Amino acid sequence: MKIGTHHGKFHADEVFAVAILRQLYPDAEVVRSRSPQALATCDIVVDVNGSPYDHHTVEKVYRANGLPFASAGLIWRDFGAALISHFGVEDEGNRNIVHAHIDEKLIQAIDAIDNGIDLDRDTRIKGISELVGSFNPPWNAADDENEAFERAVRFATVILDNYIRHEISRIDAVEIVKTAFQARTEPSLMVLPRFCPWTETLMELDTQASVLYVVFPDKTGQYRLQVVPKSPRSFEARKPLPASWAGKEGAELAEACGTIDATFCHPARFIAGAHSLEGILQMARQAIASPSDVELSKTGQKLQ
């Protein structure tokens, strides 16, 4: 297998395209050239030479949401499902879910930037393109360009693997979250038997936005109380933890919340902890019963 792409300065879209293909064809040789003769020897050519995976054409290929594909997206479209299968996802429906989510959360931002579109969303993902670009040798360095490209591909492979594994883990947790959601005795509180990815699944289940807090054990055997955000990628909570808890720890927090084994509350009031399940449930019930920020502001009370 030979994979062809252009030489010169590289970008995140062809780096990720090669990273995807390299995982399917680990012994593949990469030919970096703009010579039609050299690229003609390749089995797959990305981002150059008018190939099916070259988006530098007048007639671009667009997603259903109107975002044009770049080479990363085109390769992910055609080879992504096969790569996900390598991670042990046998169910076609689950493969399709992971495939769509990786495109939405990672690949689309890479494609947008390479097509000159500034997405007004998640700068962390947009920053990946800059990080990949930083692997290009500086103008005044004698670094080998092809070696730099290989380093960028290895970096992109780690990112891609992490995203796929996390998406698969989210699917594996769906039934746990569904069971906990259905087992609620208090509409505002969901208690998980173990920590797992819950945010997106809860948003899909909780169409009435009734769950305010989620309780779960952490890896140390203690327990956490976390707020439910207004949307999967938002830091704004449906209801923050009580303002009187903010930034307090140990005895100071225990006095503020009335729970003897309370351990901490983050200053931003999105997560708190206690040693025991009984303690964290007590804190959860108090948070549910406490006035909201809006209610406090109407009475003229300070939030902090």
C-alpha atoms as a PDB file:
ATOM      1  CA  MET A   1       0.000   0.000   0.000  1.00  0.00           C
ATOM      2  CA  LYS A   2       1.234   3.456  -0.971  1.00  0.00           C
ATOM      3  CA  ILE A   3      -0.439   6.603   0.328  1.00  0.00           C
ATOM      4  CA  GLY A   4       0.276   9.793  -1.571  1.00  0.00           C
ATOM      5  CA  THR A   5      -0.036  13.401  -0.397  1.00  0.00           C
ATOM      6  CA  HIS A   6       1.673  16.683  -1.183  1.00  0.00           C
ATOM      7  CA  HIS A   7       5.085  17.749   0.011  1.00  0.00           C
ATOM      8  CA  GLY A   8       5.795  21.141   1.576  1.00  0.00           C
ATOM      9  CA  LYS A   9       3.955  22.575   4.567  1.00  0.00           C
ATOM     10  CA  PHE A  10       1.460  20.072   5.934  1.00  0.00           C
ATOM     11  CA  HIS A  11      -1.887  20.681   7.604  1.00  0.00           C
ATOM     12  CA  ALA A  12      -4.127  18.804  10.000  1.00  0.00           C
ATOM     13  CA  ASP A  13      -6.485  17.525   7.314  1.00  0.00           C
ATOM     14  CA  GLU A  14      -3.959  15.429   5.349  1.00  0.00           C
ATOM     15  CA  VAL A  15      -2.125  14.459   8.548  1.00  0.00           C
ATOM     16  CA  PHE A  16      -5.324  13.021  10.022  1.00  0.00           C
ATOM     17  CA  ALA A  17      -6.225  11.430   6.684  1.00  0.00           C
ATOM     18  CA  VAL A  18      -2.895   9.595   6.660  1.00  0.00           C
ATOM     19  CA  ALA A  19      -3.277   8.728  10.366  1.00  0.00           C
ATOM     20  CA  ILE A  20      -6.626   7.041   9.627  1.00  0.00           C
ATOM     21  CA  LEU A  21      -5.235   5.073   6.697  1.00  0.00           C
ATOM     22  CA  ARG A  22      -2.037   4.127   8.512  1.00  0.00           C
ATOM     23  CA  GLN A  23      -4.053   2.368  11.228  1.00  0.00           C
ATOM     24  CA  LEU A  24      -5.799   0.280   8.589  1.00  0.00           C
ATOM     25  CA  TYR A  25      -2.602  -0.264   6.593  1.00  0.00           C
ATOM     26  CA  PRO A  26       0.234  -0.084   9.174  1.00  0.00           C
ATOM     27  CA  ASP A  27       2.931  -1.029   6.658  1.00  0.00           C
ATOM     28  CA  ALA A  28       1.863   1.603   4.137  1.00  0.00           C
ATOM     29  CA  GLU A  29       4.516   3.817   2.586  1.00  0.00           C
ATOM     30  CA  VAL A  30       3.759   7.544   2.412  1.00  0.00           C
ATOM     31  CA  VAL A  31       4.861   9.369  -0.729  1.00  0.00           C
ATOM     32  CA  ARG A  32       4.942  13.145  -0.281  1.00  0.00           C
ATOM     33  CA  SER A  33       5.156  14.807  -3.676  1.00  0.00           C
ATOM     34  CA  ARG A  34       3.285  16.992  -6.144  1.00  0.00           C
ATOM     35  CA  SER A  35       4.651  15.073  -9.107  1.00  0.00           C
ATOM     36  CA  PRO A  36       1.799  13.398 -11.017  1.00  0.00           C
ATOM     37  CA  GLN A  37       4.203  10.637 -12.008  1.00  0.00           C
ATOM     38  CA  ALA A  38       5.164   9.893  -8.382  1.00  0.00           C
ATOM     39  CA  LEU A  39       1.565  10.091  -7.169  1.00  0.00           C
ATOM     40  CA  ALA A  40       0.437   7.756  -9.977  1.00  0.00           C
ATOM     41  CA  THR A  41       2.331   4.956  -8.224  1.00  0.00           C
ATOM     42  CA  CYS A  42       0.144   5.356  -5.104  1.00  0.00           C
ATOM     43  CA  ASP A  43      -2.956   3.331  -4.222  1.00  0.00           C
ATOM     44  CA  ILE A  44      -4.641   6.254  -2.428  1.00  0.00           C
ATOM     45  CA  VAL A  45      -3.845   9.958  -2.877  1.00  0.00           C
ATOM     46  CA  VAL A  46      -5.132  12.544  -0.422  1.00  0.00           C
ATOM     47  CA  ASP A  47      -5.314  16.342  -0.590  1.00  0.00           C
ATOM     48  CA  VAL A  48      -3.600  16.711  -3.954  1.00  0.00           C
ATOM     49  CA  ASN A  49      -3.590  15.859  -7.679  1.00  0.00           C
ATOM     50  CA  GLY A  50      -7.374  16.040  -8.204  1.00  0.00           C
ATOM     51  CA  SER A  51      -7.918  12.649  -6.570  1.00  0.00           C
ATOM     52  CA  PRO A  52     -11.293  11.672  -5.035  1.00  0.00           C
ATOM     53  CA  TYR A  53      -9.763  12.703  -1.697  1.00  0.00           C
ATOM     54  CA  ASP A  54      -8.542  16.108  -2.887  1.00  0.00           C
ATOM     55  CA  HIS A  55     -10.950  18.846  -1.799  1.00  0.00           C
ATOM     56  CA  HIS A  56      -9.153  21.620  -3.711  1.00  0.00           C
ATOM     57  CA  THR A  57     -11.707  21.668  -6.500  1.00  0.00           C
ATOM     58  CA  VAL A  58     -14.420  24.088  -7.570  1.00  0.00           C
ATOM     59  CA  GLU A  59     -17.102  21.459  -7.043  1.00  0.00           C
ATOM     60  CA  LYS A  60     -16.611  20.620  -3.367  1.00  0.00           C
ATOM     61  CA  VAL A  61     -18.402  17.783  -1.607  1.00  0.00           C
ATOM     62  CA  TYR A  62     -20.629  18.975   1.237  1.00  0.00           C
ATOM     63  CA  ARG A  63     -22.082  17.349   4.317  1.00  0.00           C
ATOM     64  CA  ALA A  64     -25.810  17.470   4.977  1.00  0.00           C
ATOM     65  CA  ASN A  65     -25.195  20.354   7.401  1.00  0.00           C
ATOM     66  CA  GLY A  66     -23.564  22.420   4.647  1.00  0.00           C
ATOM     67  CA  LEU A  67     -19.962  22.007   5.832  1.00  0.00           C
ATOM     68  CA  PRO A  68     -17.556  21.047   3.022  1.00  0.00           C
ATOM     69  CA  PHE A  69     -15.303  18.033   3.324  1.00  0.00           C
ATOM     70  CA  ALA A  70     -11.531  18.296   3.365  1.00  0.00           C
ATOM     71  CA  SER A  71      -9.259  15.287   2.935  1.00  0.00           C
ATOM     72  CA  ALA A  72      -9.607  14.189   6.594  1.00  0.00           C
ATOM     73  CA  GLY A  73     -13.381  14.142   6.333  1.00  0.00           C
ATOM     74  CA  LEU A  74     -13.409  12.385   2.974  1.00  0.00           C
ATOM     75  CA  ILE A  75     -11.112   9.644   4.261  1.00  0.00           C
ATOM     76  CA  TRP A  76     -13.097   9.367   7.505  1.00  0.00           C
ATOM     77  CA  ARG A  77     -16.320   9.132   5.492  1.00  0.00           C
ATOM     78  CA  ASP A  78     -15.045   6.152   3.515  1.00  0.00           C
ATOM     79  CA  PHE A  79     -12.664   4.422   5.947  1.00  0.00           C
ATOM     80  CA  GLY A  80     -13.818   5.482   9.410  1.00  0.00           C
ATOM     81  CA  ALA A  81     -16.259   2.614   9.939  1.00  0.00           C
ATOM     82  CA  ALA A  82     -13.560   0.072   9.083  1.00  0.00           C
ATOM     83  CA  LEU A  83     -11.213   1.679  11.607  1.00  0.00           C
ATOM     84  CA  ILE A  84     -13.898   1.633  14.320  1.00  0.00           C
ATOM     85  CA  SER A  85     -14.340  -2.099  13.668  1.00  0.00           C
ATOM     86  CA  HIS A  86     -10.668  -2.544  14.591  1.00  0.00           C
ATOM     87  CA  PHE A  87     -11.602  -1.320  18.073  1.00  0.00           C
ATOM     88  CA  GLY A  88     -13.986  -4.244  18.517  1.00  0.00           C
ATOM     89  CA  VAL A  89     -17.291  -2.506  17.698  1.00  0.00           C
ATOM     90  CA  GLU A  90     -19.187  -5.273  15.922  1.00  0.00           C
ATOM     91  CA  ASP A  91     -22.694  -3.799  15.966  1.00  0.00           C
ATOM     92  CA  GLU A  92     -23.300  -1.756  12.804  1.00  0.00           C
ATOM     93  CA  GLY A  93     -25.639   0.666  14.563  1.00  0.00           C
ATOM     94  CA  ASN A  94     -23.036   1.444  17.220  1.00  0.00           C
ATOM     95  CA  ARG A  95     -20.341   1.827  14.552  1.00  0.00           C
ATOM     96  CA  ASN A  96     -22.534   4.375  12.780  1.00  0.00           C
ATOM     97  CA  ILE A  97     -23.062   6.313  16.017  1.00  0.00           C
ATOM     98  CA  VAL A  98     -19.330   6.432  16.783  1.00  0.00           C
ATOM     99  CA  HIS A  99     -18.558   7.326  13.173  1.00  0.00           C
ATOM    100  CA  ALA A 100     -21.002  10.256  13.186  1.00  0.00           C
ATOM    101  CA  HIS A 101     -19.872  11.536  16.585  1.00  0.00           C
ATOM    102  CA  ILE A 102     -16.173  11.512  15.672  1.00  0.00           C
ATOM    103  CA  ASP A 103     -16.987  13.452  12.514  1.00  0.00           C
ATOM    104  CA  GLU A 104     -19.035  15.974  14.484  1.00  0.00           C
ATOM    105  CA  LYS A 105     -16.660  16.388  17.437  1.00  0.00           C
ATOM    106  CA  LEU A 106     -13.263  16.195  15.733  1.00  0.00           C
ATOM    107  CA  ILE A 107     -13.140  15.894  11.955  1.00  0.00           C
ATOM    108  CA  GLN A 108     -15.559  18.681  11.011  1.00  0.00           C
ATOM    109  CA  ALA A 109     -13.523  21.358  12.776  1.00  0.00           C
ATOM    110  CA  ILE A 110     -10.353  20.170  11.016  1.00  0.00           C
ATOM    111  CA  ASP A 111     -12.138  20.201   7.653  1.00  0.00           C
ATOM    112  CA  ALA A 112     -13.662  23.622   8.285  1.00  0.00           C
ATOM    113  CA  ILE A 113     -10.329  25.256   9.063  1.00  0.00           C
ATOM    114  CA  ASP A 114      -8.667  23.752   5.987  1.00  0.00           C
ATOM    115  CA  ASN A 115     -11.548  25.056   3.870  1.00  0.00           C
ATOM    116  CA  GLY A 116     -11.137  28.549   5.308  1.00  0.00           C
ATOM    117  CA  ILE A 117     -14.273  28.392   7.462  1.00  0.00           C
ATOM    118  CA  ASP A 118     -14.033  29.702  11.030  1.00  0.00           C
ATOM    119  CA  LEU A 119     -16.353  27.606  13.144  1.00  0.00           C
ATOM    120  CA  ASP A 120     -17.807  29.559  16.040  1.00  0.00           C
ATOM    121  CA  ARG A 121     -17.544  26.637  18.431  1.00  0.00           C
ATOM    122  CA  ASP A 122     -15.209  24.685  20.702  1.00  0.00           C
ATOM    123  CA  THR A 123     -11.818  26.365  20.390  1.00  0.00           C
ATOM    124  CA  ARG A 124     -10.189  23.307  21.961  1.00  0.00           C
ATOM    125  CA  ILE A 125     -10.967  21.277  18.857  1.00  0.00           C
ATOM    126  CA  LYS A 126     -10.049  24.143  16.523  1.00  0.00           C
ATOM    127  CA  GLY A 127      -6.703  24.279  18.347  1.00  0.00           C
ATOM    128  CA  ILE A 128      -5.826  20.771  17.167  1.00  0.00           C
ATOM    129  CA  SER A 129      -5.180  22.142  13.694  1.00  0.00           C
ATOM    130  CA  GLU A 130      -2.692  24.617  15.152  1.00  0.00           C
ATOM    131  CA  LEU A 131      -1.021  21.907  17.223  1.00  0.00           C
ATOM    132  CA  VAL A 132      -0.578  19.702  14.151  1.00  0.00           C
ATOM    133  CA  GLY A 133       0.703  22.682  12.199  1.00  0.00           C
ATOM    134  CA  SER A 134       3.336  23.289  14.868  1.00  0.00           C
ATOM    135  CA  PHE A 135       5.074  20.076  13.780  1.00  0.00           C
ATOM    136  CA  ASN A 136       6.170  21.821  10.576  1.00  0.00           C
ATOM    137  CA  PRO A 137       9.872  22.716  10.821  1.00  0.00           C
ATOM    138  CA  PRO A 138      10.545  26.431  11.450  1.00  0.00           C
ATOM    139  CA  TRP A 139      11.661  28.364   8.395  1.00  0.00           C
ATOM    140  CA  ASN A 140      15.217  28.670   9.695  1.00  0.00           C
ATOM    141  CA  ALA A 141      15.630  25.033  10.802  1.00  0.00           C
ATOM    142  CA  ALA A 142      17.288  22.216   8.901  1.00  0.00           C
ATOM    143  CA  ASP A 143      14.802  19.571  10.163  1.00  0.00           C
ATOM    144  CA  ASP A 144      13.760  16.886   7.718  1.00  0.00           C
ATOM    145  CA  GLU A 145      10.240  17.709   6.524  1.00  0.00           C
ATOM    146  CA  ASN A 146       9.179  14.086   6.034  1.00  0.00           C
ATOM    147  CA  GLU A 147      10.326  13.144   9.534  1.00  0.00           C
ATOM    148  CA  ALA A 148       8.322  16.085  10.896  1.00  0.00           C
ATOM    149  CA  PHE A 149       5.280  14.838   8.967  1.00  0.00           C
ATOM    150  CA  GLU A 150       5.660  11.371  10.497  1.00  0.00           C
ATOM    151  CA  ARG A 151       5.808  12.887  13.983  1.00  0.00           C
ATOM    152  CA  ALA A 152       2.605  14.799  13.228  1.00  0.00           C
ATOM    153  CA  VAL A 153       0.911  11.600  12.015  1.00  0.00           C
ATOM    154  CA  ARG A 154       1.856   9.808  15.239  1.00  0.00           C
ATOM    155  CA  PHE A 155       0.442  12.727  17.245  1.00  0.00           C
ATOM    156  CA  ALA A 156      -2.797  12.685  15.215  1.00  0.00           C
ATOM    157  CA  THR A 157      -3.075   8.917  15.670  1.00  0.00           C
ATOM    158  CA  VAL A 158      -3.033   9.274  19.451  1.00  0.00           C
ATOM    159  CA  ILE A 159      -5.756  11.949  19.327  1.00  0.00           C
ATOM    160  CA  LEU A 160      -7.895   9.906  16.950  1.00  0.00           C
ATOM    161  CA  ASP A 161      -7.514   6.756  19.045  1.00  0.00           C
ATOM    162  CA  ASN A 162      -8.484   8.640  22.191  1.00  0.00           C
ATOM    163  CA  TYR A 163     -11.620  10.058  20.589  1.00  0.00           C
ATOM    164  CA  ILE A 164     -12.706   6.668  19.236  1.00  0.00           C
ATOM    165  CA  ARG A 165     -12.114   4.929  22.582  1.00  0.00           C
ATOM    166  CA  HIS A 166     -14.052   7.588  24.475  1.00  0.00           C
ATOM    167  CA  GLU A 167     -16.976   7.400  22.049  1.00  0.00           C
ATOM    168  CA  ILE A 168     -17.066   3.614  22.376  1.00  0.00           C
ATOM    169  CA  SER A 169     -16.965   3.928  26.169  1.00  0.00           C
ATOM    170  CA  ARG A 170     -19.932   6.307  26.037  1.00  0.00           C
ATOM    171  CA  ILE A 171     -21.963   3.736  24.114  1.00  0.00           C
ATOM    172  CA  ASP A 172     -20.940   1.038  26.591  1.00  0.00           C
ATOM    173  CA  ALA A 173     -22.336   3.247  29.386  1.00  0.00           C
ATOM    174  CA  VAL A 174     -25.739   3.938  27.810  1.00  0.00           C
ATOM    175  CA  GLU A 175     -27.570   1.095  29.568  1.00  0.00           C
ATOM    176  CA  ILE A 176     -26.046   2.039  32.940  1.00  0.00           C
ATOM    177  CA  VAL A 177     -27.309   5.614  32.549  1.00  0.00           C
ATOM    178  CA  LYS A 178     -30.727   4.490  31.296  1.00  0.00           C
ATOM    179  CA  THR A 179     -31.178   2.180  34.286  1.00  0.00           C
ATOM    180  CA  ALA A 180     -30.156   4.903  36.735  1.00  0.00           C
ATOM    181  CA  PHE A 181     -32.440   7.430  35.045  1.00  0.00           C
ATOM    182  CA  GLN A 182     -35.432   5.095  35.255  1.00  0.00           C
ATOM    183  CA  ALA A 183     -34.652   4.133  38.877  1.00  0.00           C
ATOM    184  CA  ARG A 184     -34.781   7.713  40.220  1.00  0.00           C
ATOM    185  CA  THR A 185     -36.806   8.197  43.386  1.00  0.00           C
ATOM    186  CA  GLU A 186     -36.203  11.958  43.258  1.00  0.00           C
ATOM    187  CA  PRO A 187     -36.836  13.490  39.793  1.00  0.00           C
ATOM    188  CA  SER A 188     -34.010  16.015  40.254  1.00  0.00           C
ATOM    189  CA  LEU A 189     -31.351  13.442  41.189  1.00  0.00           C
ATOM    190  CA  MET A 190     -29.782  10.550  39.294  1.00  0.00           C
ATOM    191  CA  VAL A 191     -27.530   8.128  41.192  1.00  0.00           C
ATOM    192  CA  LEU A 192     -25.033   6.076  39.195  1.00  0.00           C
ATOM    193  CA  PRO A 193     -23.635   2.808  40.616  1.00  0.00           C
ATOM    194  CA  ARG A 194     -20.232   3.685  39.146  1.00  0.00           C
ATOM    195  CA  PHE A 195     -18.704   6.569  37.270  1.00  0.00           C
ATOM    196  CA  CYS A 196     -19.260   6.462  33.507  1.00  0.00           C
ATOM    197  CA  PRO A 197     -19.884   8.999  30.720  1.00  0.00           C
ATOM    198  CA  TRP A 198     -23.418  10.236  31.393  1.00  0.00           C
ATOM    199  CA  THR A 199     -23.895  13.765  30.064  1.00  0.00           C
ATOM    200  CA  GLU A 200     -24.931  13.158  26.446  1.00  0.00           C
ATOM    201  CA  THR A 201     -27.047  10.106  27.236  1.00  0.00           C
ATOM    202  CA  LEU A 202     -28.848  11.961  30.031  1.00  0.00           C
ATOM    203  CA  MET A 203     -29.567  14.879  27.690  1.00  0.00           C
ATOM    204  CA  GLU A 204     -31.180  12.464  25.251  1.00  0.00           C
ATOM    205  CA  LEU A 205     -33.290  10.800  27.959  1.00  0.00           C
ATOM    206  CA  ASP A 206     -34.203  13.826  30.067  1.00  0.00           C
ATOM    207  CA  THR A 207     -36.341  15.733  27.591  1.00  0.00           C
ATOM    208  CA  GLN A 208     -37.979  17.725  30.412  1.00  0.00           C
ATOM    209  CA  ALA A 209     -34.607  18.837  31.870  1.00  0.00           C
ATOM    210  CA  SER A 210     -35.716  17.596  35.280  1.00  0.00           C
ATOM    211  CA  VAL A 211     -32.413  16.123  36.535  1.00  0.00           C
ATOM    212  CA  LEU A 212     -30.327  18.786  38.266  1.00  0.00           C
ATOM    213  CA  TYR A 213     -27.590  16.682  39.865  1.00  0.00           C
ATOM    214  CA  VAL A 214     -25.811  13.354  39.379  1.00  0.00           C
ATOM    215  CA  VAL A 215     -24.192  11.312  42.154  1.00  0.00           C
ATOM    216  CA  PHE A 216     -21.500   8.693  41.521  1.00  0.00           C
ATOM    217  CA  PRO A 217     -18.575   7.002  43.310  1.00  0.00           C
ATOM    218  CA  ASP A 218     -15.079   8.041  42.290  1.00  0.00           C
ATOM    219  CA  LYS A 219     -12.043   5.803  41.872  1.00  0.00           C
ATOM    220  CA  THR A 220     -10.905   6.392  45.468  1.00  0.00           C
ATOM    221  CA  GLY A 221     -14.112   5.042  46.998  1.00  0.00           C
ATOM    222  CA  GLN A 222     -15.479   8.476  47.877  1.00  0.00           C
ATOM    223  CA  TYR A 223     -18.548  10.049  46.249  1.00  0.00           C
ATOM    224  CA  ARG A 224     -19.166  13.017  43.992  1.00  0.00           C
ATOM    225  CA  LEU A 225     -22.129  15.313  43.403  1.00  0.00           C
ATOM    226  CA  GLN A 226     -22.024  16.984  39.995  1.00  0.00           C
ATOM    227  CA  VAL A 227     -24.335  19.506  38.400  1.00  0.00           C
ATOM    228  CA  VAL A 228     -26.084  18.777  35.098  1.00  0.00           C
ATOM    229  CA  PRO A 229     -25.127  21.326  32.418  1.00  0.00           C
ATOM    230  CA  LYS A 230     -27.731  23.025  30.247  1.00  0.00           C
ATOM    231  CA  SER A 231     -26.212  21.377  27.166  1.00  0.00           C
ATOM    232  CA  PRO A 232     -23.473  18.750  26.585  1.00  0.00           C
ATOM    233  CA  ARG A 233     -20.781  21.332  25.788  1.00  0.00           C
ATOM    234  CA  SER A 234     -21.902  24.048  28.210  1.00  0.00           C
ATOM    235  CA  PHE A 235     -20.354  25.032  31.529  1.00  0.00           C
ATOM    236  CA  GLU A 236     -23.628  26.637  32.607  1.00  0.00           C
ATOM    237  CA  ALA A 237     -25.490  24.440  35.094  1.00  0.00           C
ATOM    238  CA  ARG A 238     -29.205  23.840  35.261  1.00  0.00           C
ATOM    239  CA  LYS A 239     -28.772  24.701  38.923  1.00  0.00           C
ATOM    240  CA  PRO A 240     -25.350  25.382  40.505  1.00  0.00           C
ATOM    241  CA  LEU A 241     -24.527  23.995  43.912  1.00  0.00           C
ATOM    242  CA  PRO A 242     -25.353  26.353  46.816  1.00  0.00           C
ATOM    243  CA  ALA A 243     -23.322  29.554  46.853  1.00  0.00           C
ATOM    244  CA  SER A 244     -22.536  29.094  50.555  1.00  0.00           C
ATOM    245  CA  TRP A 245     -20.510  25.957  49.701  1.00  0.00           C
ATOM    246  CA  ALA A 246     -18.261  27.540  47.062  1.00  0.00           C
ATOM    247  CA  GLY A 247     -14.566  26.877  47.591  1.00  0.00           C
ATOM    248  CA  LYS A 248     -14.999  25.347  51.043  1.00  0.00           C
ATOM    249  CA  GLU A 249     -13.323  22.142  52.223  1.00  0.00           C
ATOM    250  CA  GLY A 250     -13.373  19.806  55.215  1.00  0.00           C
ATOM    251  CA  ALA A 251     -14.756  21.175  58.467  1.00  0.00           C
ATOM    252  CA  GLU A 252     -15.639  24.530  56.918  1.00  0.00           C
ATOM    253  CA  LEU A 253     -17.773  22.847  54.247  1.00  0.00           C
ATOM    254  CA  ALA A 254     -19.248  20.417  56.758  1.00  0.00           C
ATOM    255  CA  GLU A 255     -20.432  23.377  58.809  1.00  0.00           C
ATOM    256  CA  ALA A 256     -21.837  25.145  55.746  1.00  0.00           C
ATOM    257  CA  CYS A 257     -23.768  22.146  54.405  1.00  0.00           C
ATOM    258  CA  GLY A 258     -24.459  20.181  57.571  1.00  0.00           C
ATOM    259  CA  THR A 259     -22.846  16.987  56.259  1.00  0.00           C
ATOM    260  CA  ILE A 260     -20.154  15.691  58.604  1.00  0.00           C
ATOM    261  CA  ASP A 261     -18.103  13.848  55.970  1.00  0.00           C
ATOM    262  CA  ALA A 262     -18.278  16.514  53.239  1.00  0.00           C
ATOM    263  CA  THR A 263     -14.843  16.936  51.648  1.00  0.00           C
ATOM    264  CA  PHE A 264     -14.903  19.827  49.158  1.00  0.00           C
ATOM    265  CA  CYS A 265     -16.947  22.019  46.841  1.00  0.00           C
ATOM    266  CA  HIS A 266     -15.330  23.541  43.769  1.00  0.00           C
ATOM    267  CA  PRO A 267     -15.313  27.374  43.745  1.00  0.00           C
ATOM    268  CA  ALA A 268     -17.242  27.258  40.445  1.00  0.00           C
ATOM    269  CA  ARG A 269     -19.936  25.203  42.233  1.00  0.00           C
ATOM    270  CA  PHE A 270     -20.193  22.437  39.652  1.00  0.00           C
ATOM    271  CA  ILE A 271     -18.914  19.511  41.747  1.00  0.00           C
ATOM    272  CA  ALA A 272     -18.638  18.551  45.418  1.00  0.00           C
ATOM    273  CA  GLY A 273     -17.570  15.496  47.373  1.00  0.00           C
ATOM    274  CA  ALA A 274     -18.197  13.449  50.504  1.00  0.00           C
ATOM    275  CA  HIS A 275     -16.671  10.318  51.978  1.00  0.00           C
ATOM    276  CA  SER A 276     -19.897   8.276  52.019  1.00  0.00           C
ATOM    277  CA  LEU A 277     -22.926   7.663  49.830  1.00  0.00           C
ATOM    278  CA  GLU A 278     -25.158   8.721  52.722  1.00  0.00           C
ATOM    279  CA  GLY A 279     -23.230  11.986  53.024  1.00  0.00           C
ATOM    280  CA  ILE A 280     -23.308  12.842  49.329  1.00  0.00           C
ATOM    281  CA  LEU A 281     -27.041  12.087  49.127  1.00  0.00           C
ATOM    282  CA  GLN A 282     -27.616  14.416  52.065  1.00  0.00           C
ATOM    283  CA  MET A 283     -25.705  17.140  50.215  1.00  0.00           C
ATOM    284  CA  ALA A 284     -27.699  16.437  47.046  1.00  0.00           C
ATOM    285  CA  ARG A 285     -31.029  16.812  48.832  1.00  0.00           C
ATOM    286  CA  GLN A 286     -29.881  20.065  50.421  1.00  0.00           C
ATOM    287  CA  ALA A 287     -28.749  21.396  47.017  1.00  0.00           C
ATOM    288  CA  ILE A 288     -32.117  20.491  45.484  1.00  0.00           C
ATOM    289  CA  ALA A 289     -33.989  22.262  48.292  1.00  0.00           C
ATOM    290  CA  SER A 290     -31.757  25.352  48.303  1.00  0.00           C
ATOM    291  CA  PRO A 291     -32.834  28.565  46.535  1.00  0.00           C
ATOM    292  CA  SER A 292     -31.539  29.007  43.009  1.00  0.00           C
ATOM    293  CA  ASP A 293     -29.278  31.891  42.013  1.00  0.00           C
ATOM    294  CA  VAL A 294     -32.261  33.595  40.377  1.00  0.00           C
ATOM    295  CA  GLU A 295     -34.318  33.301  43.546  1.00  0.00           C
ATOM    296  CA  LEU A 296     -31.445  34.625  45.655  1.00  0.00           C
ATOM    297  CA  SER A 297     -30.878  37.573  43.345  1.00  0.00           C
ATOM    298  CA  LYS A 298     -34.559  38.536  43.617  1.00  0.00           C
ATOM    299  CA  THR A 299     -34.212  38.732  47.394  1.00  0.00           C
ATOM    300  CA  GLY A 300     -31.084  40.828  47.110  1.00  0.00           C
ATOM    301  CA  GLN A 301     -28.831  38.191  48.697  1.00  0.00           C
ATOM    302  CA  LYS A 302     -25.232  37.881  47.552  1.00  0.00           C
ATOM    303  CA  LEU A 303     -24.400  34.733  45.588  1.00  0.00           C
ATOM    304  CA  GLN A 304     -20.791  34.608  46.815  1.00  0.00           C
END
